[in-house]
């Protein structure tokens, strides 16, 4: 199991940010390499995500759903269950998030537990942590762009959807190898 903790700030009202984060199709537009479809009768959304790590590309498809939602506290739990399109790898994730009020807007805190199997699991925690952090940074920048500039009318996206490219991990892999090389020499 891998645990990933992140936080980011959005210069917008916390309730607006919370509602936006629970609109999974809109958030999917902000996650690099991801697509999230409309919810089915059971409330689960079909989801796909692609991630590049050097010459390797991982494509997953499955479902994501809102498991729990606490309105007054602006907290929610999302769960995802995806399978590698080619290969036998899987990823199961549980993300708890909260949106808190800050002087200039909202602070979003996430705690995610990820269970990986297959080729991606063999990449190592450092690479996975770096890719996860970059994905959250890109998602936060997109959400900030959409919510932090001019607020949109309720139910209207702040800007047209622009597909996000998969996160490339070549530089991340080089950085992890570099760190490991110098840690051995210390």
N, C-alpha and C. Protein backbone atom coordinates (compact mmCIF):
# COMPACT_ATOMS: atom_id res chain seq x y z
N UNK A 1 0.84 -1.18 0.00
CA UNK A 1 0.00 0.00 0.00
C UNK A 1 0.89 1.25 0.00
N UNK A 2 0.46 2.23 -0.73
CA UNK A 2 1.16 3.51 -0.80
C UNK A 2 0.20 4.58 -0.29
N UNK A 3 0.72 5.44 0.57
CA UNK A 3 -0.07 6.56 1.07
C UNK A 3 0.47 7.85 0.46
N UNK A 4 -0.43 8.67 -0.02
CA UNK A 4 -0.05 9.94 -0.62
C UNK A 4 -0.88 11.04 0.05
N UNK A 5 -0.18 12.03 0.60
CA UNK A 5 -0.84 13.18 1.23
C UNK A 5 -0.50 14.42 0.42
N UNK A 6 -1.52 15.19 0.11
CA UNK A 6 -1.32 16.42 -0.65
C UNK A 6 -2.23 17.51 -0.10
N UNK A 7 -1.84 18.74 -0.38
CA UNK A 7 -2.74 19.85 -0.12
C UNK A 7 -2.45 20.94 -1.14
N UNK A 8 -3.50 21.69 -1.44
CA UNK A 8 -3.35 22.81 -2.35
C UNK A 8 -4.40 23.86 -2.00
N UNK A 9 -4.17 25.05 -2.50
CA UNK A 9 -5.06 26.17 -2.20
C UNK A 9 -5.71 26.67 -3.48
N UNK A 10 -6.95 27.11 -3.34
CA UNK A 10 -7.70 27.66 -4.47
C UNK A 10 -8.30 28.98 -4.00
N UNK A 11 -8.06 30.06 -4.75
CA UNK A 11 -8.61 31.37 -4.34
C UNK A 11 -10.09 31.49 -4.71
N UNK A 12 -10.90 30.65 -4.07
CA UNK A 12 -12.34 30.66 -4.30
C UNK A 12 -13.04 30.25 -3.00
N UNK A 13 -14.33 30.49 -2.93
CA UNK A 13 -15.13 30.14 -1.78
C UNK A 13 -15.06 28.62 -1.52
N UNK A 14 -14.84 28.19 -0.26
CA UNK A 14 -14.72 26.76 0.04
C UNK A 14 -15.91 25.91 -0.41
N UNK A 15 -17.12 26.45 -0.29
CA UNK A 15 -18.30 25.68 -0.72
C UNK A 15 -18.27 25.45 -2.23
N UNK A 16 -17.85 26.46 -2.98
CA UNK A 16 -17.75 26.33 -4.44
C UNK A 16 -16.69 25.30 -4.80
N UNK A 17 -15.55 25.33 -4.12
CA UNK A 17 -14.48 24.37 -4.38
C UNK A 17 -14.94 22.96 -4.03
N UNK A 18 -15.59 22.80 -2.89
CA UNK A 18 -16.09 21.49 -2.46
C UNK A 18 -17.08 20.92 -3.49
N UNK A 19 -18.04 21.73 -3.90
CA UNK A 19 -19.02 21.27 -4.89
C UNK A 19 -18.34 20.90 -6.20
N UNK A 20 -17.35 21.69 -6.61
CA UNK A 20 -16.63 21.39 -7.85
C UNK A 20 -15.89 20.06 -7.74
N UNK A 21 -15.24 19.82 -6.61
CA UNK A 21 -14.50 18.57 -6.44
C UNK A 21 -15.40 17.34 -6.43
N UNK A 22 -16.65 17.52 -6.07
CA UNK A 22 -17.59 16.39 -6.07
C UNK A 22 -18.25 16.18 -7.43
N UNK A 23 -18.07 17.10 -8.35
CA UNK A 23 -18.55 16.94 -9.73
C UNK A 23 -17.46 16.18 -10.48
N UNK A 24 -17.46 14.86 -10.33
CA UNK A 24 -16.34 14.03 -10.78
C UNK A 24 -16.03 14.17 -12.27
N UNK A 25 -17.03 14.39 -13.10
CA UNK A 25 -16.77 14.57 -14.53
C UNK A 25 -15.94 15.83 -14.77
N UNK A 26 -16.23 16.91 -14.05
CA UNK A 26 -15.47 18.15 -14.21
C UNK A 26 -14.05 18.00 -13.67
N UNK A 27 -13.91 17.36 -12.52
CA UNK A 27 -12.58 17.15 -11.95
C UNK A 27 -11.76 16.27 -12.88
N UNK A 28 -12.39 15.27 -13.50
CA UNK A 28 -11.68 14.40 -14.44
C UNK A 28 -11.03 15.17 -15.56
N UNK A 29 -11.66 16.28 -15.98
CA UNK A 29 -11.09 17.12 -17.03
C UNK A 29 -9.80 17.79 -16.57
N UNK A 30 -9.59 17.89 -15.27
CA UNK A 30 -8.41 18.55 -14.73
C UNK A 30 -7.29 17.59 -14.34
N UNK A 31 -7.54 16.30 -14.41
CA UNK A 31 -6.52 15.32 -14.05
C UNK A 31 -5.80 14.87 -15.30
N UNK A 32 -4.49 15.03 -15.36
CA UNK A 32 -3.73 14.66 -16.56
C UNK A 32 -3.97 13.20 -16.96
N UNK A 33 -4.35 13.00 -18.21
CA UNK A 33 -4.54 11.66 -18.75
C UNK A 33 -5.83 10.98 -18.33
N UNK A 34 -6.73 11.69 -17.65
CA UNK A 34 -7.95 11.06 -17.13
C UNK A 34 -9.19 11.48 -17.89
N UNK A 35 -10.17 10.60 -17.87
CA UNK A 35 -11.51 10.88 -18.37
C UNK A 35 -12.49 10.22 -17.41
N UNK A 36 -13.51 10.97 -17.02
CA UNK A 36 -14.54 10.44 -16.13
C UNK A 36 -15.88 10.67 -16.80
N UNK A 37 -16.64 9.61 -16.93
CA UNK A 37 -17.94 9.70 -17.59
C UNK A 37 -19.07 9.95 -16.61
N UNK A 38 -20.28 10.05 -17.14
CA UNK A 38 -21.45 10.30 -16.28
C UNK A 38 -21.73 9.11 -15.36
N UNK A 39 -22.30 9.40 -14.21
CA UNK A 39 -22.62 8.36 -13.23
C UNK A 39 -23.69 7.42 -13.76
N UNK A 40 -23.52 6.16 -13.41
CA UNK A 40 -24.53 5.16 -13.74
C UNK A 40 -25.62 5.13 -12.68
N UNK A 41 -26.52 4.19 -12.80
CA UNK A 41 -27.62 4.07 -11.85
C UNK A 41 -27.14 3.83 -10.42
N UNK A 42 -25.97 3.18 -10.28
CA UNK A 42 -25.43 2.89 -8.95
C UNK A 42 -24.59 4.04 -8.39
N UNK A 43 -24.47 5.14 -9.15
CA UNK A 43 -23.70 6.29 -8.70
C UNK A 43 -22.23 6.25 -9.08
N UNK A 44 -21.76 5.13 -9.62
CA UNK A 44 -20.35 5.01 -10.01
C UNK A 44 -20.15 5.60 -11.41
N UNK A 45 -19.00 6.23 -11.61
CA UNK A 45 -18.64 6.84 -12.89
C UNK A 45 -17.61 5.96 -13.59
N UNK A 46 -17.78 5.70 -14.89
CA UNK A 46 -16.70 5.02 -15.62
C UNK A 46 -15.50 5.97 -15.69
N UNK A 47 -14.30 5.41 -15.57
CA UNK A 47 -13.10 6.26 -15.56
C UNK A 47 -11.96 5.57 -16.28
N UNK A 48 -11.16 6.38 -16.96
CA UNK A 48 -9.93 5.91 -17.59
C UNK A 48 -8.82 6.88 -17.20
N UNK A 49 -7.60 6.35 -17.09
CA UNK A 49 -6.45 7.20 -16.84
C UNK A 49 -5.23 6.58 -17.49
N UNK A 50 -4.38 7.43 -18.06
CA UNK A 50 -3.13 6.99 -18.69
C UNK A 50 -1.98 7.74 -18.05
N UNK A 51 -0.92 7.01 -17.73
CA UNK A 51 0.27 7.60 -17.12
C UNK A 51 1.49 7.06 -17.86
N UNK A 52 2.42 7.97 -18.20
CA UNK A 52 3.67 7.56 -18.85
C UNK A 52 4.80 7.61 -17.84
N UNK A 53 5.58 6.54 -17.79
CA UNK A 53 6.79 6.49 -16.98
C UNK A 53 7.93 6.09 -17.91
N UNK A 54 8.68 7.08 -18.38
CA UNK A 54 9.74 6.81 -19.35
C UNK A 54 9.13 6.20 -20.60
N UNK A 55 9.65 5.06 -21.04
CA UNK A 55 9.13 4.43 -22.25
C UNK A 55 7.84 3.64 -22.00
N UNK A 56 7.46 3.48 -20.73
CA UNK A 56 6.28 2.67 -20.42
C UNK A 56 5.05 3.55 -20.25
N UNK A 57 3.95 3.08 -20.78
CA UNK A 57 2.67 3.78 -20.66
C UNK A 57 1.69 2.82 -20.00
N UNK A 58 1.06 3.32 -18.95
CA UNK A 58 0.06 2.54 -18.24
C UNK A 58 -1.30 3.14 -18.51
N UNK A 59 -2.21 2.31 -18.99
CA UNK A 59 -3.59 2.76 -19.22
C UNK A 59 -4.51 1.89 -18.37
N UNK A 60 -5.34 2.55 -17.60
CA UNK A 60 -6.27 1.86 -16.71
C UNK A 60 -7.69 2.29 -17.03
N UNK A 61 -8.63 1.38 -16.80
CA UNK A 61 -10.04 1.75 -16.89
C UNK A 61 -10.79 1.03 -15.78
N UNK A 62 -11.86 1.66 -15.33
CA UNK A 62 -12.64 1.09 -14.26
C UNK A 62 -13.72 2.06 -13.81
N UNK A 63 -13.87 2.18 -12.49
CA UNK A 63 -14.95 3.00 -11.96
C UNK A 63 -14.46 3.81 -10.76
N UNK A 64 -15.07 4.98 -10.59
CA UNK A 64 -14.81 5.83 -9.43
C UNK A 64 -16.17 6.26 -8.89
N UNK A 65 -16.27 6.31 -7.57
CA UNK A 65 -17.54 6.71 -6.98
C UNK A 65 -17.32 7.46 -5.69
N UNK A 66 -18.30 8.23 -5.35
CA UNK A 66 -18.32 8.96 -4.09
C UNK A 66 -18.87 8.01 -3.04
N UNK A 67 -18.05 7.70 -2.05
CA UNK A 67 -18.46 6.73 -1.04
C UNK A 67 -19.15 7.41 0.15
N UNK A 68 -18.66 8.58 0.49
CA UNK A 68 -19.17 9.25 1.69
C UNK A 68 -19.07 10.75 1.46
N UNK A 69 -20.01 11.49 2.06
CA UNK A 69 -20.03 12.95 1.89
C UNK A 69 -20.59 13.58 3.15
N UNK A 70 -19.80 14.47 3.77
CA UNK A 70 -20.24 15.19 4.96
C UNK A 70 -20.32 16.67 4.60
N UNK A 71 -21.51 17.13 4.32
CA UNK A 71 -21.73 18.50 3.83
C UNK A 71 -21.22 19.60 4.76
N UNK A 72 -21.67 19.64 6.02
CA UNK A 72 -21.27 20.79 6.84
C UNK A 72 -19.75 20.89 7.03
N UNK A 73 -19.07 19.75 7.10
CA UNK A 73 -17.62 19.74 7.30
C UNK A 73 -16.84 19.87 6.00
N UNK A 74 -17.53 19.78 4.87
CA UNK A 74 -16.91 19.78 3.53
C UNK A 74 -15.85 18.70 3.45
N UNK A 75 -16.27 17.47 3.76
CA UNK A 75 -15.40 16.29 3.67
C UNK A 75 -16.09 15.26 2.80
N UNK A 76 -15.27 14.47 2.11
CA UNK A 76 -15.82 13.42 1.26
C UNK A 76 -14.78 12.32 1.09
N UNK A 77 -15.26 11.14 0.74
CA UNK A 77 -14.39 10.00 0.45
C UNK A 77 -14.74 9.47 -0.93
N UNK A 78 -13.72 9.34 -1.77
CA UNK A 78 -13.86 8.79 -3.10
C UNK A 78 -13.13 7.47 -3.16
N UNK A 79 -13.68 6.51 -3.90
CA UNK A 79 -12.99 5.24 -4.12
C UNK A 79 -12.92 4.97 -5.62
N UNK A 80 -11.79 4.41 -6.03
CA UNK A 80 -11.58 4.06 -7.44
C UNK A 80 -11.08 2.64 -7.51
N UNK A 81 -11.54 1.94 -8.52
CA UNK A 81 -11.12 0.57 -8.76
C UNK A 81 -10.91 0.45 -10.27
N UNK A 82 -9.65 0.36 -10.68
CA UNK A 82 -9.33 0.31 -12.11
C UNK A 82 -8.40 -0.86 -12.41
N UNK A 83 -8.43 -1.28 -13.67
CA UNK A 83 -7.62 -2.40 -14.13
C UNK A 83 -6.83 -1.96 -15.34
N UNK A 84 -5.58 -2.44 -15.43
CA UNK A 84 -4.72 -2.11 -16.55
C UNK A 84 -5.34 -2.64 -17.84
N UNK A 85 -5.37 -1.79 -18.88
CA UNK A 85 -5.97 -2.19 -20.16
C UNK A 85 -5.20 -3.35 -20.79
N UNK A 86 -3.87 -3.27 -20.75
CA UNK A 86 -3.04 -4.37 -21.27
C UNK A 86 -2.20 -4.85 -20.11
N UNK A 87 -2.43 -6.05 -19.71
CA UNK A 87 -1.70 -6.56 -18.56
C UNK A 87 -2.65 -6.90 -17.45
N UNK A 88 -2.07 -7.29 -16.34
CA UNK A 88 -2.91 -7.75 -15.25
C UNK A 88 -2.84 -6.86 -14.03
N UNK A 89 -2.30 -5.67 -14.19
CA UNK A 89 -2.18 -4.75 -13.06
C UNK A 89 -3.52 -4.14 -12.68
N UNK A 90 -3.61 -3.80 -11.40
CA UNK A 90 -4.80 -3.13 -10.89
C UNK A 90 -4.37 -1.97 -9.98
N UNK A 91 -5.28 -1.07 -9.79
CA UNK A 91 -5.09 0.02 -8.83
C UNK A 91 -6.41 0.23 -8.11
N UNK A 92 -6.33 0.21 -6.81
CA UNK A 92 -7.49 0.49 -5.96
C UNK A 92 -7.09 1.65 -5.08
N UNK A 93 -7.89 2.67 -5.08
CA UNK A 93 -7.55 3.87 -4.30
C UNK A 93 -8.75 4.32 -3.47
N UNK A 94 -8.41 4.86 -2.32
CA UNK A 94 -9.41 5.47 -1.44
C UNK A 94 -8.86 6.83 -1.04
N UNK A 95 -9.57 7.89 -1.42
CA UNK A 95 -9.11 9.24 -1.15
C UNK A 95 -10.09 9.95 -0.23
N UNK A 96 -9.58 10.42 0.89
CA UNK A 96 -10.36 11.25 1.80
C UNK A 96 -9.92 12.68 1.56
N UNK A 97 -10.89 13.58 1.41
CA UNK A 97 -10.55 14.98 1.17
C UNK A 97 -11.37 15.87 2.07
N UNK A 98 -10.78 17.03 2.34
CA UNK A 98 -11.50 18.05 3.09
C UNK A 98 -11.17 19.40 2.49
N UNK A 99 -12.12 20.30 2.58
CA UNK A 99 -11.95 21.66 2.06
C UNK A 99 -12.18 22.61 3.23
N UNK A 100 -11.15 23.35 3.57
CA UNK A 100 -11.21 24.27 4.71
C UNK A 100 -11.13 25.72 4.22
N UNK A 101 -11.73 26.60 4.99
CA UNK A 101 -11.70 28.04 4.69
C UNK A 101 -10.34 28.59 5.09
N UNK A 102 -9.78 29.44 4.23
CA UNK A 102 -8.56 30.19 4.53
C UNK A 102 -8.81 31.64 4.17
N UNK A 103 -7.90 32.51 4.59
CA UNK A 103 -8.07 33.94 4.34
C UNK A 103 -8.37 34.27 2.88
N UNK A 104 -7.65 33.68 1.98
CA UNK A 104 -7.80 34.01 0.56
C UNK A 104 -8.54 32.95 -0.23
N UNK A 105 -9.36 32.13 0.41
CA UNK A 105 -10.10 31.11 -0.34
C UNK A 105 -10.20 29.81 0.41
N UNK A 106 -9.79 28.73 -0.26
CA UNK A 106 -9.96 27.39 0.29
C UNK A 106 -8.65 26.62 0.26
N UNK A 107 -8.50 25.75 1.25
CA UNK A 107 -7.37 24.82 1.30
C UNK A 107 -7.94 23.42 1.19
N UNK A 108 -7.45 22.66 0.22
CA UNK A 108 -7.91 21.29 -0.01
C UNK A 108 -6.81 20.35 0.50
N UNK A 109 -7.19 19.41 1.36
CA UNK A 109 -6.26 18.43 1.90
C UNK A 109 -6.76 17.05 1.49
N UNK A 110 -5.86 16.24 0.92
CA UNK A 110 -6.23 14.89 0.53
C UNK A 110 -5.29 13.88 1.16
N UNK A 111 -5.85 12.74 1.49
CA UNK A 111 -5.07 11.59 1.97
C UNK A 111 -5.56 10.40 1.15
N UNK A 112 -4.65 9.81 0.39
CA UNK A 112 -5.02 8.72 -0.52
C UNK A 112 -4.22 7.47 -0.18
N UNK A 113 -4.91 6.36 -0.12
CA UNK A 113 -4.27 5.05 0.01
C UNK A 113 -4.45 4.33 -1.31
N UNK A 114 -3.34 3.87 -1.89
CA UNK A 114 -3.36 3.21 -3.20
C UNK A 114 -2.77 1.82 -3.06
N UNK A 115 -3.48 0.86 -3.60
CA UNK A 115 -2.99 -0.52 -3.68
C UNK A 115 -2.75 -0.81 -5.15
N UNK A 116 -1.49 -1.02 -5.52
CA UNK A 116 -1.12 -1.29 -6.91
C UNK A 116 -0.64 -2.73 -7.06
N UNK A 117 -0.97 -3.32 -8.20
CA UNK A 117 -0.40 -4.61 -8.57
C UNK A 117 0.09 -4.48 -10.01
N UNK A 118 0.93 -5.40 -10.44
CA UNK A 118 1.40 -5.39 -11.83
C UNK A 118 2.67 -4.58 -12.02
N UNK A 119 2.91 -4.19 -13.27
CA UNK A 119 4.14 -3.49 -13.64
C UNK A 119 4.31 -2.16 -12.90
N UNK A 120 3.25 -1.41 -12.73
CA UNK A 120 3.36 -0.11 -12.06
C UNK A 120 3.84 -0.27 -10.63
N UNK A 121 3.43 -1.34 -9.96
CA UNK A 121 3.84 -1.57 -8.57
C UNK A 121 5.35 -1.77 -8.47
N UNK A 122 5.96 -2.26 -9.52
CA UNK A 122 7.41 -2.51 -9.50
C UNK A 122 8.23 -1.24 -9.75
N UNK A 123 7.59 -0.12 -10.06
CA UNK A 123 8.30 1.12 -10.36
C UNK A 123 8.92 1.75 -9.12
N UNK A 124 8.44 1.43 -7.97
CA UNK A 124 9.01 1.98 -6.74
C UNK A 124 8.22 3.16 -6.22
N UNK A 125 8.26 3.29 -4.93
CA UNK A 125 7.48 4.32 -4.25
C UNK A 125 7.89 5.73 -4.66
N UNK A 126 9.19 5.99 -4.81
CA UNK A 126 9.65 7.33 -5.16
C UNK A 126 9.06 7.82 -6.47
N UNK A 127 9.07 6.97 -7.47
CA UNK A 127 8.52 7.34 -8.78
C UNK A 127 7.02 7.57 -8.66
N UNK A 128 6.34 6.67 -7.97
CA UNK A 128 4.88 6.79 -7.83
C UNK A 128 4.52 8.05 -7.05
N UNK A 129 5.25 8.33 -5.97
CA UNK A 129 5.00 9.55 -5.21
C UNK A 129 5.19 10.80 -6.07
N UNK A 130 6.26 10.83 -6.87
CA UNK A 130 6.53 11.99 -7.72
C UNK A 130 5.44 12.18 -8.78
N UNK A 131 5.01 11.09 -9.40
CA UNK A 131 3.96 11.18 -10.42
C UNK A 131 2.66 11.64 -9.76
N UNK A 132 2.34 11.08 -8.61
CA UNK A 132 1.11 11.47 -7.90
C UNK A 132 1.15 12.95 -7.53
N UNK A 133 2.28 13.42 -7.03
CA UNK A 133 2.41 14.83 -6.66
C UNK A 133 2.25 15.73 -7.88
N UNK A 134 2.83 15.34 -9.00
CA UNK A 134 2.72 16.15 -10.21
C UNK A 134 1.27 16.18 -10.71
N UNK A 135 0.60 15.04 -10.63
CA UNK A 135 -0.80 14.99 -11.06
C UNK A 135 -1.66 15.91 -10.20
N UNK A 136 -1.43 15.90 -8.89
CA UNK A 136 -2.20 16.78 -7.99
C UNK A 136 -1.87 18.24 -8.30
N UNK A 137 -0.59 18.55 -8.53
CA UNK A 137 -0.22 19.92 -8.87
C UNK A 137 -0.92 20.39 -10.14
N UNK A 138 -0.94 19.54 -11.17
CA UNK A 138 -1.60 19.90 -12.42
C UNK A 138 -3.10 20.06 -12.23
N UNK A 139 -3.70 19.15 -11.45
CA UNK A 139 -5.13 19.23 -11.17
C UNK A 139 -5.45 20.53 -10.41
N UNK A 140 -4.63 20.84 -9.41
CA UNK A 140 -4.85 22.06 -8.62
C UNK A 140 -4.74 23.31 -9.49
N UNK A 141 -3.76 23.33 -10.39
CA UNK A 141 -3.61 24.49 -11.28
C UNK A 141 -4.83 24.65 -12.18
N UNK A 142 -5.35 23.55 -12.68
CA UNK A 142 -6.53 23.59 -13.54
C UNK A 142 -7.75 24.08 -12.75
N UNK A 143 -7.94 23.54 -11.56
CA UNK A 143 -9.09 23.94 -10.73
C UNK A 143 -8.96 25.42 -10.35
N UNK A 144 -7.75 25.84 -10.02
CA UNK A 144 -7.53 27.25 -9.68
C UNK A 144 -7.85 28.14 -10.87
N UNK A 145 -7.44 27.72 -12.06
CA UNK A 145 -7.74 28.50 -13.26
C UNK A 145 -9.25 28.60 -13.47
N UNK A 146 -9.95 27.51 -13.26
CA UNK A 146 -11.39 27.49 -13.50
C UNK A 146 -12.19 28.22 -12.42
N UNK A 147 -11.77 28.10 -11.16
CA UNK A 147 -12.55 28.68 -10.07
C UNK A 147 -11.95 29.95 -9.50
N UNK A 148 -10.66 30.13 -9.67
CA UNK A 148 -9.98 31.23 -9.00
C UNK A 148 -10.04 32.55 -9.72
N UNK A 149 -10.32 32.53 -11.02
CA UNK A 149 -10.39 33.81 -11.73
C UNK A 149 -11.80 34.35 -11.61
N UNK A 150 -12.57 34.29 -12.66
CA UNK A 150 -13.95 34.78 -12.58
C UNK A 150 -14.87 33.63 -12.24
N UNK A 151 -15.66 33.76 -11.19
CA UNK A 151 -16.57 32.68 -10.85
C UNK A 151 -17.61 32.49 -11.94
N UNK A 152 -17.88 31.23 -12.24
CA UNK A 152 -18.90 30.91 -13.22
C UNK A 152 -20.26 30.85 -12.53
N UNK A 153 -21.30 30.98 -13.32
CA UNK A 153 -22.65 30.83 -12.78
C UNK A 153 -22.81 29.38 -12.32
N UNK A 154 -23.66 29.12 -11.31
CA UNK A 154 -23.84 27.75 -10.83
C UNK A 154 -24.22 26.81 -11.97
N UNK A 155 -23.54 25.66 -12.00
CA UNK A 155 -23.81 24.65 -13.01
C UNK A 155 -23.14 24.90 -14.35
N UNK A 156 -22.38 25.97 -14.48
CA UNK A 156 -21.70 26.27 -15.74
C UNK A 156 -20.20 26.18 -15.54
N UNK A 157 -19.49 25.36 -16.35
CA UNK A 157 -18.05 25.28 -16.19
C UNK A 157 -17.40 26.64 -16.40
N UNK A 158 -16.32 26.91 -15.65
CA UNK A 158 -15.65 28.21 -15.74
C UNK A 158 -14.91 28.38 -17.06
N UNK A 159 -14.49 27.30 -17.68
CA UNK A 159 -13.82 27.38 -18.96
C UNK A 159 -14.05 26.09 -19.71
N UNK A 160 -13.93 26.11 -21.05
CA UNK A 160 -14.16 24.88 -21.79
C UNK A 160 -13.13 23.82 -21.43
N UNK A 161 -13.55 22.58 -21.53
CA UNK A 161 -12.66 21.48 -21.19
C UNK A 161 -11.54 21.36 -22.21
N UNK A 162 -10.34 21.21 -21.69
CA UNK A 162 -9.19 20.96 -22.53
C UNK A 162 -8.60 19.64 -22.07
N UNK A 163 -8.49 18.64 -22.97
CA UNK A 163 -8.00 17.34 -22.54
C UNK A 163 -6.60 17.45 -21.94
N UNK A 164 -6.39 16.77 -20.85
CA UNK A 164 -5.09 16.77 -20.18
C UNK A 164 -4.26 15.60 -20.71
N UNK A 165 -2.99 15.86 -21.00
CA UNK A 165 -2.10 14.81 -21.47
C UNK A 165 -1.64 13.98 -20.27
N UNK A 166 -1.29 12.70 -20.51
CA UNK A 166 -0.78 11.88 -19.41
C UNK A 166 0.47 12.49 -18.82
N UNK A 167 0.67 12.25 -17.54
CA UNK A 167 1.88 12.73 -16.88
C UNK A 167 3.04 11.91 -17.40
N UNK A 168 4.09 12.59 -17.87
CA UNK A 168 5.30 11.91 -18.32
C UNK A 168 6.25 11.74 -17.16
N UNK A 169 6.77 10.57 -17.01
CA UNK A 169 7.61 10.29 -15.86
C UNK A 169 9.09 10.19 -16.15
N UNK A 170 9.56 10.51 -17.35
CA UNK A 170 10.96 10.34 -17.67
C UNK A 170 11.84 11.18 -16.75
N UNK A 171 11.52 12.48 -16.63
CA UNK A 171 12.31 13.35 -15.74
C UNK A 171 12.18 12.90 -14.29
N UNK A 172 11.01 12.44 -13.92
CA UNK A 172 10.82 11.96 -12.56
C UNK A 172 11.69 10.75 -12.28
N UNK A 173 11.75 9.84 -13.26
CA UNK A 173 12.59 8.65 -13.08
C UNK A 173 14.05 9.05 -12.97
N UNK A 174 14.50 9.98 -13.80
CA UNK A 174 15.89 10.43 -13.71
C UNK A 174 16.18 11.03 -12.34
N UNK A 175 15.25 11.82 -11.83
CA UNK A 175 15.45 12.43 -10.52
C UNK A 175 15.54 11.37 -9.43
N UNK A 176 14.70 10.35 -9.48
CA UNK A 176 14.74 9.28 -8.48
C UNK A 176 16.07 8.54 -8.57
N UNK A 177 16.52 8.21 -9.79
CA UNK A 177 17.81 7.51 -9.95
C UNK A 177 18.95 8.39 -9.45
N UNK A 178 18.91 9.69 -9.74
CA UNK A 178 19.93 10.62 -9.29
C UNK A 178 20.00 10.66 -7.77
N UNK A 179 18.82 10.77 -7.14
CA UNK A 179 18.77 10.79 -5.68
C UNK A 179 19.33 9.50 -5.09
N UNK A 180 18.97 8.37 -5.68
CA UNK A 180 19.46 7.10 -5.17
C UNK A 180 20.97 6.98 -5.35
N UNK A 181 21.49 7.46 -6.44
CA UNK A 181 22.92 7.40 -6.70
C UNK A 181 23.67 8.19 -5.64
N UNK A 182 23.22 9.40 -5.34
CA UNK A 182 23.92 10.23 -4.37
C UNK A 182 23.65 9.80 -2.93
N UNK A 183 22.53 9.19 -2.66
CA UNK A 183 22.27 8.69 -1.30
C UNK A 183 23.21 7.54 -0.99
N UNK A 184 23.56 6.74 -1.97
CA UNK A 184 24.49 5.63 -1.75
C UNK A 184 25.89 6.14 -1.43
N UNK A 185 26.27 7.27 -2.00
CA UNK A 185 27.63 7.77 -1.81
C UNK A 185 27.79 8.56 -0.52
N UNK A 186 26.72 8.93 0.11
CA UNK A 186 26.81 9.73 1.35
C UNK A 186 27.26 8.91 2.51
